């Protein structure tokens, strides 16, 4: 099996595990009355499965994205740029007066 496919499967499985724990926590703490809705409704198990699947997709994607970003090669440069000294450069800027509004005299600032 290619390494990338194995990386994807492992990280998505971890994400789904986190989703199961998250939904279990939501139901255990009865957030927004979800435990009551899931346990008292005849189709509550469908809602529980849907919550696990939707959160599994999100957490699996995030887990895989974190794994891919951690694979980046480290650079030998110090963090925060190349360390080059910044030198100020003078820039010529001309200021122009604002046009006066009709009916108002120009004020001297």
Foldseek 3Di string as FASTA:
>chain_A
DDPLVVLLVVLLVVQLVVQLVVLVVCLVVCVVNLVVVLVVDPCSVVVSVVSSVVSSVVSSVVSSVVVVVVPDDDDPADPPDNPDDDDDDDDDDDDDDDDDDPPDDDDDD
